PDB file of N, CA and C in Angstrom:
ATOM      1  N   UNK A   1     -12.394 218.593 328.606  1.00  0.00           N
ATOM      2  CA  UNK A   1     -12.062 217.943 327.687  1.00  0.00           C
ATOM      3  C   UNK A   1     -11.090 216.984 327.713  1.00  0.00           C
ATOM      4  N   UNK A   2     -11.073 215.897 327.199  1.00  0.00           N
ATOM      5  CA  UNK A   2     -10.338 214.266 327.392  1.00  0.00           C
ATOM      6  C   UNK A   2      -9.297 214.944 327.053  1.00  0.00           C
ATOM      7  N   UNK A   3      -7.646 214.772 327.928  1.00  0.00           N
ATOM      8  CA  UNK A   3      -6.173 215.098 327.192  1.00  0.00           C
ATOM      9  C   UNK A   3      -5.953 214.108 326.072  1.00  0.00           C
ATOM     10  N   UNK A   4      -6.737 213.029 326.202  1.00  0.00           N
ATOM     11  CA  UNK A   4      -6.065 212.225 325.124  1.00  0.00           C
ATOM     12  C   UNK A   4      -6.772 212.188 323.540  1.00  0.00           C
ATOM     13  N   UNK A   5      -7.847 213.136 323.839  1.00  0.00           N
ATOM     14  CA  UNK A   5      -8.769 213.553 322.309  1.00  0.00           C
ATOM     15  C   UNK A   5      -8.102 214.755 321.930  1.00  0.00           C
ATOM     16  N   UNK A   6      -7.737 215.637 323.046  1.00  0.00           N
ATOM     17  CA  UNK A   6      -6.767 216.930 323.035  1.00  0.00           C
ATOM     18  C   UNK A   6      -5.241 216.122 322.215  1.00  0.00           C
ATOM     19  N   UNK A   7      -4.677 215.667 322.564  1.00  0.00           N
ATOM     20  CA  UNK A   7      -3.466 215.409 321.973  1.00  0.00           C
ATOM     21  C   UNK A   7      -3.745 214.667 320.676  1.00  0.00           C
ATOM     22  N   UNK A   8      -4.556 214.206 320.405  1.00  0.00           N
ATOM     23  CA  UNK A   8      -5.119 213.280 319.194  1.00  0.00           C
ATOM     24  C   UNK A   8      -5.284 214.484 318.207  1.00  0.00           C
ATOM     25  N   UNK A   9      -6.017 215.489 318.509  1.00  0.00           N
ATOM     26  CA  UNK A   9      -6.166 216.867 318.016  1.00  0.00           C
ATOM     27  C   UNK A   9      -5.043 217.271 317.271  1.00  0.00           C
ATOM     28  N   UNK A  10      -4.438 217.532 318.201  1.00  0.00           N
ATOM     29  CA  UNK A  10      -2.928 218.472 317.689  1.00  0.00           C
ATOM     30  C   UNK A  10      -2.342 217.527 317.147  1.00  0.00           C
ATOM     31  N   UNK A  11      -2.009 216.243 317.290  1.00  0.00           N
ATOM     32  CA  UNK A  11      -1.491 215.248 316.336  1.00  0.00           C
ATOM     33  C   UNK A  11      -2.061 215.346 314.787  1.00  0.00           C
ATOM     34  N   UNK A  12      -3.393 215.490 314.907  1.00  0.00           N
ATOM     35  CA  UNK A  12      -3.791 215.165 313.424  1.00  0.00           C
ATOM     36  C   UNK A  12      -3.286 216.346 313.131  1.00  0.00           C
ATOM     37  N   UNK A  13      -3.392 217.601 313.387  1.00  0.00           N
ATOM     38  CA  UNK A  13      -3.295 219.179 312.903  1.00  0.00           C
ATOM     39  C   UNK A  13      -2.025 218.977 312.385  1.00  0.00           C
ATOM     40  N   UNK A  14      -0.642 218.496 313.172  1.00  0.00           N
ATOM     41  CA  UNK A  14       0.648 218.522 312.962  1.00  0.00           C
ATOM     42  C   UNK A  14       0.988 217.761 311.594  1.00  0.00           C
ATOM     43  N   UNK A  15       0.083 216.142 311.803  1.00  0.00           N
ATOM     44  CA  UNK A  15       0.317 215.566 310.453  1.00  0.00           C
ATOM     45  C   UNK A  15      -0.079 215.901 308.796  1.00  0.00           C
ATOM     46  N   UNK A  16      -1.004 216.825 309.610  1.00  0.00           N
ATOM     47  CA  UNK A  16      -1.947 217.496 308.191  1.00  0.00           C
ATOM     48  C   UNK A  16      -0.954 218.699 307.476  1.00  0.00           C
ATOM     49  N   UNK A  17      -0.767 219.268 308.305  1.00  0.00           N
ATOM     50  CA  UNK A  17       0.143 219.996 308.498  1.00  0.00           C
ATOM     51  C   UNK A  17       1.064 220.067 307.460  1.00  0.00           C
ATOM     52  N   UNK A  18       1.859 219.297 307.786  1.00  0.00           N
ATOM     53  CA  UNK A  18       2.774 218.437 307.130  1.00  0.00           C
ATOM     54  C   UNK A  18       3.004 217.889 305.836  1.00  0.00           C
ATOM     55  N   UNK A  19       1.894 217.479 305.359  1.00  0.00           N
ATOM     56  CA  UNK A  19       1.806 216.450 304.287  1.00  0.00           C
ATOM     57  C   UNK A  19       0.799 217.354 303.408  1.00  0.00           C
ATOM     58  N   UNK A  20      -0.025 218.340 303.655  1.00  0.00           N
ATOM     59  CA  UNK A  20      -0.700 219.127 302.851  1.00  0.00           C
ATOM     60  C   UNK A  20      -0.654 220.690 302.759  1.00  0.00           C
ATOM     61  N   UNK A  21       0.498 221.054 303.546  1.00  0.00           N
ATOM     62  CA  UNK A  21       0.763 222.764 304.103  1.00  0.00           C
ATOM     63  C   UNK A  21      -0.817 223.137 303.598  1.00  0.00           C
ATOM     64  N   UNK A  22      -1.787 223.275 304.253  1.00  0.00           N
ATOM     65  CA  UNK A  22      -3.110 223.667 304.154  1.00  0.00           C
ATOM     66  C   UNK A  22      -3.156 225.117 303.723  1.00  0.00           C
ATOM     67  N   UNK A  23      -4.269 225.756 303.347  1.00  0.00           N
ATOM     68  CA  UNK A  23      -4.538 227.366 302.952  1.00  0.00           C
ATOM     69  C   UNK A  23      -5.321 227.471 304.159  1.00  0.00           C
ATOM     70  N   UNK A  24      -6.072 226.278 304.335  1.00  0.00           N
ATOM     71  CA  UNK A  24      -7.054 226.332 305.616  1.00  0.00           C
ATOM     72  C   UNK A  24      -6.727 225.119 306.677  1.00  0.00           C
ATOM     73  N   UNK A  25      -7.196 224.850 307.375  1.00  0.00           N
ATOM     74  CA  UNK A  25      -7.269 223.798 308.662  1.00  0.00           C
ATOM     75  C   UNK A  25      -7.783 223.656 309.814  1.00  0.00           C
ATOM     76  N   UNK A  26      -9.033 222.987 309.848  1.00  0.00           N
ATOM     77  CA  UNK A  26      -9.370 223.419 311.698  1.00  0.00           C
ATOM     78  C   UNK A  26      -9.848 221.885 311.562  1.00  0.00           C
ATOM     79  N   UNK A  27      -9.112 221.123 312.798  1.00  0.00           N
ATOM     80  CA  UNK A  27      -9.673 220.346 313.873  1.00  0.00           C
ATOM     81  C   UNK A  27     -10.416 220.269 314.546  1.00  0.00           C
ATOM     82  N   UNK A  28     -11.612 219.875 314.777  1.00  0.00           N
ATOM     83  CA  UNK A  28     -12.558 219.948 315.879  1.00  0.00           C
ATOM     84  C   UNK A  28     -13.041 218.646 316.339  1.00  0.00           C
ATOM     85  N   UNK A  29     -12.606 218.744 317.524  1.00  0.00           N
ATOM     86  CA  UNK A  29     -13.189 217.602 318.346  1.00  0.00           C
ATOM     87  C   UNK A  29     -14.213 217.494 318.951  1.00  0.00           C
ATOM     88  N   UNK A  30     -15.393 216.923 318.290  1.00  0.00           N
ATOM     89  CA  UNK A  30     -16.001 216.634 318.725  1.00  0.00           C
ATOM     90  C   UNK A  30     -16.860 215.443 319.580  1.00  0.00           C
ATOM     91  N   UNK A  31     -15.814 214.822 320.171  1.00  0.00           N
ATOM     92  CA  UNK A  31     -15.911 213.524 321.123  1.00  0.00           C
ATOM     93  C   UNK A  31     -17.047 214.095 322.206  1.00  0.00           C
ATOM     94  N   UNK A  32     -17.004 215.117 322.674  1.00  0.00           N
ATOM     95  CA  UNK A  32     -17.712 215.054 324.125  1.00  0.00           C
ATOM     96  C   UNK A  32     -19.424 215.112 323.237  1.00  0.00           C
ATOM     97  N   UNK A  33     -19.520 215.290 322.117  1.00  0.00           N
ATOM     98  CA  UNK A  33     -20.843 214.938 321.677  1.00  0.00           C
ATOM     99  C   UNK A  33     -21.402 213.504 321.802  1.00  0.00           C
ATOM    100  N   UNK A  34     -20.375 212.913 321.726  1.00  0.00           N
ATOM    101  CA  UNK A  34     -20.637 211.310 321.007  1.00  0.00           C
ATOM    102  C   UNK A  34     -20.263 210.636 323.030  1.00  0.00           C
ATOM    103  N   UNK A  35     -19.706 211.183 324.096  1.00  0.00           N
ATOM    104  CA  UNK A  35     -19.188 211.062 324.998  1.00  0.00           C
ATOM    105  C   UNK A  35     -20.136 209.631 325.799  1.00  0.00           C
ATOM    106  N   UNK A  36     -21.254 209.801 325.373  1.00  0.00           N
ATOM    107  CA  UNK A  36     -22.457 208.634 326.339  1.00  0.00           C
ATOM    108  C   UNK A  36     -22.454 207.538 325.125  1.00  0.00           C
ATOM    109  N   UNK A  37     -22.179 207.899 324.374  1.00  0.00           N
ATOM    110  CA  UNK A  37     -22.522 206.168 323.020  1.00  0.00           C
ATOM    111  C   UNK A  37     -21.687 205.504 323.494  1.00  0.00           C
ATOM    112  N   UNK A  38     -22.104 203.920 323.139  1.00  0.00           N
ATOM    113  CA  UNK A  38     -21.857 202.501 323.725  1.00  0.00           C
ATOM    114  C   UNK A  38     -20.437 202.406 322.875  1.00  0.00           C
ATOM    115  N   UNK A  39     -19.812 202.776 322.286  1.00  0.00           N
ATOM    116  CA  UNK A  39     -18.535 202.929 321.422  1.00  0.00           C
ATOM    117  C   UNK A  39     -17.773 203.445 322.137  1.00  0.00           C
ATOM    118  N   UNK A  40     -17.820 204.956 322.040  1.00  0.00           N
ATOM    119  CA  UNK A  40     -17.098 205.748 323.311  1.00  0.00           C
ATOM    120  C   UNK A  40     -16.897 205.403 324.927  1.00  0.00           C
ATOM    121  N   UNK A  41     -17.971 204.647 325.411  1.00  0.00           N
ATOM    122  CA  UNK A  41     -17.554 203.914 326.586  1.00  0.00           C
ATOM    123  C   UNK A  41     -16.442 202.928 326.143  1.00  0.00           C
ATOM    124  N   UNK A  42     -16.737 202.169 325.623  1.00  0.00           N
ATOM    125  CA  UNK A  42     -15.836 200.633 325.332  1.00  0.00           C
ATOM    126  C   UNK A  42     -14.652 201.202 324.798  1.00  0.00           C
ATOM    127  N   UNK A  43     -14.272 202.824 324.371  1.00  0.00           N
ATOM    128  CA  UNK A  43     -12.907 202.615 323.764  1.00  0.00           C
ATOM    129  C   UNK A  43     -13.015 204.524 324.216  1.00  0.00           C
ATOM    130  N   UNK A  44     -12.514 204.574 325.288  1.00  0.00           N
ATOM    131  CA  UNK A  44     -12.670 206.323 325.756  1.00  0.00           C
ATOM    132  C   UNK A  44     -11.724 207.284 325.732  1.00  0.00           C
ATOM    133  N   UNK A  45     -10.270 206.206 325.015  1.00  0.00           N
ATOM    134  CA  UNK A  45      -9.609 207.043 324.514  1.00  0.00           C
ATOM    135  C   UNK A  45      -9.561 207.501 322.772  1.00  0.00           C
ATOM    136  N   UNK A  46     -10.445 207.036 322.221  1.00  0.00           N
ATOM    137  CA  UNK A  46     -11.002 206.863 320.824  1.00  0.00           C
ATOM    138  C   UNK A  46     -11.867 208.201 320.491  1.00  0.00           C
ATOM    139  N   UNK A  47     -11.428 209.093 319.814  1.00  0.00           N
ATOM    140  CA  UNK A  47     -12.247 210.240 319.785  1.00  0.00           C
ATOM    141  C   UNK A  47     -13.110 210.487 318.272  1.00  0.00           C
ATOM    142  N   UNK A  48     -13.712 211.476 318.306  1.00  0.00           N
ATOM    143  CA  UNK A  48     -14.518 211.816 317.268  1.00  0.00           C
ATOM    144  C   UNK A  48     -14.096 213.179 316.998  1.00  0.00           C
ATOM    145  N   UNK A  49     -13.696 213.230 315.309  1.00  0.00           N
ATOM    146  CA  UNK A  49     -13.305 214.839 315.048  1.00  0.00           C
ATOM    147  C   UNK A  49     -13.930 214.852 313.822  1.00  0.00           C
ATOM    148  N   UNK A  50     -13.474 216.480 313.363  1.00  0.00           N
ATOM    149  CA  UNK A  50     -14.452 216.943 311.916  1.00  0.00           C
ATOM    150  C   UNK A  50     -13.145 218.097 311.644  1.00  0.00           C
ATOM    151  N   UNK A  51     -12.927 217.572 310.270  1.00  0.00           N
ATOM    152  CA  UNK A  51     -11.515 218.457 309.569  1.00  0.00           C
ATOM    153  C   UNK A  51     -12.384 219.170 308.881  1.00  0.00           C
ATOM    154  N   UNK A  52     -11.590 220.420 308.745  1.00  0.00           N
ATOM    155  CA  UNK A  52     -11.585 221.303 307.379  1.00  0.00           C
ATOM    156  C   UNK A  52     -10.590 221.255 306.663  1.00  0.00           C
ATOM    157  N   UNK A  53      -9.989 221.015 305.366  1.00  0.00           N
ATOM    158  CA  UNK A  53      -8.818 221.337 305.002  1.00  0.00           C
ATOM    159  C   UNK A  53      -8.958 221.715 303.072  1.00  0.00           C
ATOM    160  N   UNK A  54      -8.177 222.389 303.244  1.00  0.00           N
ATOM    161  CA  UNK A  54      -8.507 223.366 301.929  1.00  0.00           C
ATOM    162  C   UNK A  54      -6.715 223.121 301.706  1.00  0.00           C
ATOM    163  N   UNK A  55      -6.120 222.671 300.528  1.00  0.00           N
ATOM    164  CA  UNK A  55      -5.226 222.480 300.002  1.00  0.00           C
ATOM    165  C   UNK A  55      -5.054 222.159 298.336  1.00  0.00           C
ATOM    166  N   UNK A  56      -4.009 222.796 297.997  1.00  0.00           N
ATOM    167  CA  UNK A  56      -3.763 223.133 296.508  1.00  0.00           C
ATOM    168  C   UNK A  56      -3.425 221.296 296.187  1.00  0.00           C
ATOM    169  N   UNK A  57      -3.057 220.379 296.936  1.00  0.00           N
ATOM    170  CA  UNK A  57      -2.921 219.072 296.578  1.00  0.00           C
ATOM    171  C   UNK A  57      -4.388 218.499 296.322  1.00  0.00           C
ATOM    172  N   UNK A  58      -5.496 219.265 296.280  1.00  0.00           N
ATOM    173  CA  UNK A  58      -6.285 218.423 296.297  1.00  0.00           C
ATOM    174  C   UNK A  58      -7.089 218.980 294.794  1.00  0.00           C
ATOM    175  N   UNK A  59      -6.276 219.783 294.164  1.00  0.00           N
ATOM    176  CA  UNK A  59      -6.388 220.120 292.682  1.00  0.00           C
ATOM    177  C   UNK A  59      -6.805 218.997 291.721  1.00  0.00           C
ATOM    178  N   UNK A  60      -7.805 218.785 290.987  1.00  0.00           N
ATOM    179  CA  UNK A  60      -7.901 218.092 289.634  1.00  0.00           C
ATOM    180  C   UNK A  60      -8.262 216.592 290.778  1.00  0.00           C
ATOM    181  N   UNK A  61      -8.174 216.629 292.096  1.00  0.00           N
ATOM    182  CA  UNK A  61      -8.699 215.069 292.871  1.00  0.00           C
ATOM    183  C   UNK A  61     -10.610 215.505 293.001  1.00  0.00           C
ATOM    184  N   UNK A  62     -10.823 213.947 292.977  1.00  0.00           N
ATOM    185  CA  UNK A  62     -12.179 214.093 292.950  1.00  0.00           C
ATOM    186  C   UNK A  62     -12.182 213.587 294.845  1.00  0.00           C
ATOM    187  N   UNK A  63     -13.318 214.070 295.152  1.00  0.00           N
ATOM    188  CA  UNK A  63     -13.567 213.914 296.722  1.00  0.00           C
ATOM    189  C   UNK A  63     -13.210 212.596 297.336  1.00  0.00           C
ATOM    190  N   UNK A  64     -13.568 211.655 296.654  1.00  0.00           N
ATOM    191  CA  UNK A  64     -12.947 210.291 297.374  1.00  0.00           C
ATOM    192  C   UNK A  64     -11.698 210.288 297.220  1.00  0.00           C
ATOM    193  N   UNK A  65     -10.774 210.660 296.163  1.00  0.00           N
ATOM    194  CA  UNK A  65      -9.615 211.009 295.923  1.00  0.00           C
ATOM    195  C   UNK A  65      -8.607 211.838 297.177  1.00  0.00           C
ATOM    196  N   UNK A  66      -9.432 212.763 297.623  1.00  0.00           N
ATOM    197  CA  UNK A  66      -9.103 213.458 298.916  1.00  0.00           C
ATOM    198  C   UNK A  66      -9.391 212.860 300.005  1.00  0.00           C
ATOM    199  N   UNK A  67     -10.271 212.195 299.646  1.00  0.00           N
ATOM    200  CA  UNK A  67     -10.448 211.834 301.775  1.00  0.00           C
ATOM    201  C   UNK A  67     -10.072 210.348 301.373  1.00  0.00           C
ATOM    202  N   UNK A  68      -9.745 209.885 300.592  1.00  0.00           N
ATOM    203  CA  UNK A  68      -8.336 208.673 300.588  1.00  0.00           C
ATOM    204  C   UNK A  68      -6.830 209.355 301.227  1.00  0.00           C
ATOM    205  N   UNK A  69      -6.719 210.373 300.506  1.00  0.00           N
ATOM    206  CA  UNK A  69      -5.456 210.925 300.567  1.00  0.00           C
ATOM    207  C   UNK A  69      -5.394 211.585 302.102  1.00  0.00           C
ATOM    208  N   UNK A  70      -6.323 212.279 302.822  1.00  0.00           N
ATOM    209  CA  UNK A  70      -6.422 212.384 304.365  1.00  0.00           C
ATOM    210  C   UNK A  70      -6.399 210.963 305.086  1.00  0.00           C
ATOM    211  N   UNK A  71      -7.078 209.949 304.834  1.00  0.00           N
ATOM    212  CA  UNK A  71      -7.084 208.882 305.737  1.00  0.00           C
ATOM    213  C   UNK A  71      -5.409 207.817 305.208  1.00  0.00           C
ATOM    214  N   UNK A  72      -4.869 207.998 304.694  1.00  0.00           N
ATOM    215  CA  UNK A  72      -3.714 207.595 304.408  1.00  0.00           C
ATOM    216  C   UNK A  72      -2.549 208.182 305.285  1.00  0.00           C
ATOM    217  N   UNK A  73      -3.203 209.362 305.290  1.00  0.00           N
ATOM    218  CA  UNK A  73      -2.195 210.377 306.140  1.00  0.00           C
ATOM    219  C   UNK A  73      -2.075 210.342 307.563  1.00  0.00           C
ATOM    220  N   UNK A  74      -3.291 209.734 307.869  1.00  0.00           N
ATOM    221  CA  UNK A  74      -3.851 209.958 309.177  1.00  0.00           C
ATOM    222  C   UNK A  74      -4.255 208.072 309.258  1.00  0.00           C
ATOM    223  N   UNK A  75      -3.630 207.414 308.698  1.00  0.00           N
ATOM    224  CA  UNK A  75      -3.818 206.145 309.152  1.00  0.00           C
ATOM    225  C   UNK A  75      -3.537 205.115 309.937  1.00  0.00           C
ATOM    226  N   UNK A  76      -1.852 205.738 310.792  1.00  0.00           N
ATOM    227  CA  UNK A  76      -1.627 205.339 312.255  1.00  0.00           C
ATOM    228  C   UNK A  76      -2.376 205.422 313.336  1.00  0.00           C
ATOM    229  N   UNK A  77      -3.186 206.476 313.474  1.00  0.00           N
ATOM    230  CA  UNK A  77      -4.200 207.240 314.349  1.00  0.00           C
ATOM    231  C   UNK A  77      -5.600 206.777 314.313  1.00  0.00           C
ATOM    232  N   UNK A  78      -6.028 206.342 312.841  1.00  0.00           N
ATOM    233  CA  UNK A  78      -6.840 205.495 312.551  1.00  0.00           C
ATOM    234  C   UNK A  78      -7.311 204.529 313.411  1.00  0.00           C
ATOM    235  N   UNK A  79      -5.885 203.591 313.817  1.00  0.00           N
ATOM    236  CA  UNK A  79      -5.843 202.262 314.191  1.00  0.00           C
ATOM    237  C   UNK A  79      -6.245 202.400 315.815  1.00  0.00           C
ATOM    238  N   UNK A  80      -6.374 203.468 316.151  1.00  0.00           N
ATOM    239  CA  UNK A  80      -6.731 203.135 317.746  1.00  0.00           C
ATOM    240  C   UNK A  80      -7.429 204.786 318.330  1.00  0.00           C
ATOM    241  N   UNK A  81      -6.798 205.507 318.281  1.00  0.00           N
ATOM    242  CA  UNK A  81      -6.708 207.448 318.683  1.00  0.00           C
ATOM    243  C   UNK A  81      -8.478 208.025 317.816  1.00  0.00           C
ATOM    244  N   UNK A  82      -8.589 207.314 317.010  1.00  0.00           N
ATOM    245  CA  UNK A  82      -9.698 208.046 315.849  1.00  0.00           C
ATOM    246  C   UNK A  82     -10.807 207.157 316.031  1.00  0.00           C
ATOM    247  N   UNK A  83     -11.834 207.718 316.707  1.00  0.00           N
ATOM    248  CA  UNK A  83     -13.045 206.413 316.294  1.00  0.00           C
ATOM    249  C   UNK A  83     -13.893 206.830 314.696  1.00  0.00           C
ATOM    250  N   UNK A  84     -14.264 208.229 314.785  1.00  0.00           N
ATOM    251  CA  UNK A  84     -15.068 208.453 313.731  1.00  0.00           C
ATOM    252  C   UNK A  84     -14.117 209.980 313.309  1.00  0.00           C
ATOM    253  N   UNK A  85     -14.489 210.240 311.779  1.00  0.00           N
ATOM    254  CA  UNK A  85     -13.603 211.419 311.736  1.00  0.00           C
ATOM    255  C   UNK A  85     -14.818 211.872 310.175  1.00  0.00           C
ATOM    256  N   UNK A  86     -14.983 213.175 310.265  1.00  0.00           N
ATOM    257  CA  UNK A  86     -16.115 213.884 309.360  1.00  0.00           C
ATOM    258  C   UNK A  86     -14.934 214.871 308.715  1.00  0.00           C
ATOM    259  N   UNK A  87     -15.093 214.692 307.058  1.00  0.00           N
ATOM    260  CA  UNK A  87     -13.971 215.506 306.519  1.00  0.00           C
ATOM    261  C   UNK A  87     -14.597 216.225 305.411  1.00  0.00           C
ATOM    262  N   UNK A  88     -14.317 217.630 305.034  1.00  0.00           N
ATOM    263  CA  UNK A  88     -14.875 218.887 304.493  1.00  0.00           C
ATOM    264  C   UNK A  88     -13.422 219.117 303.883  1.00  0.00           C
ATOM    265  N   UNK A  89     -13.361 218.402 302.498  1.00  0.00           N
ATOM    266  CA  UNK A  89     -11.975 218.909 302.066  1.00  0.00           C
ATOM    267  C   UNK A  89     -12.325 219.298 300.639  1.00  0.00           C
ATOM    268  N   UNK A  90     -11.378 220.201 300.188  1.00  0.00           N
ATOM    269  CA  UNK A  90     -11.766 221.193 298.874  1.00  0.00           C
ATOM    270  C   UNK A  90     -10.383 221.555 298.467  1.00  0.00           C
ATOM    271  N   UNK A  91     -10.149 222.068 297.035  1.00  0.00           N
ATOM    272  CA  UNK A  91      -8.942 222.593 296.172  1.00  0.00           C
ATOM    273  C   UNK A  91      -9.169 224.342 296.792  1.00  0.00           C
ATOM    274  N   UNK A  92      -8.388 225.177 296.832  1.00  0.00           N
ATOM    275  CA  UNK A  92      -8.696 226.382 296.835  1.00  0.00           C
ATOM    276  C   UNK A  92      -9.714 226.752 295.349  1.00  0.00           C
TER     277      UNK A  92
END
């Protein structure tokens, strides 16, 4: 596993724990699946991640609002460390 991707996954997890106090949180590094893609070769430190996040912060929020909240939380990482992000969010 690429050390940069592992560190990014840890940062994602920490930021989401602080922001959302999740009931369930999974940060899955899928960078290895995309390692041979053109963009992955151009930007090897930018990874692909899948997030499963269940939080009471999402109560009465639409799926779009939930995703915007996550993107806002991870905005800094989206500028370089995250190339792609798949989100599965829901309220408990």
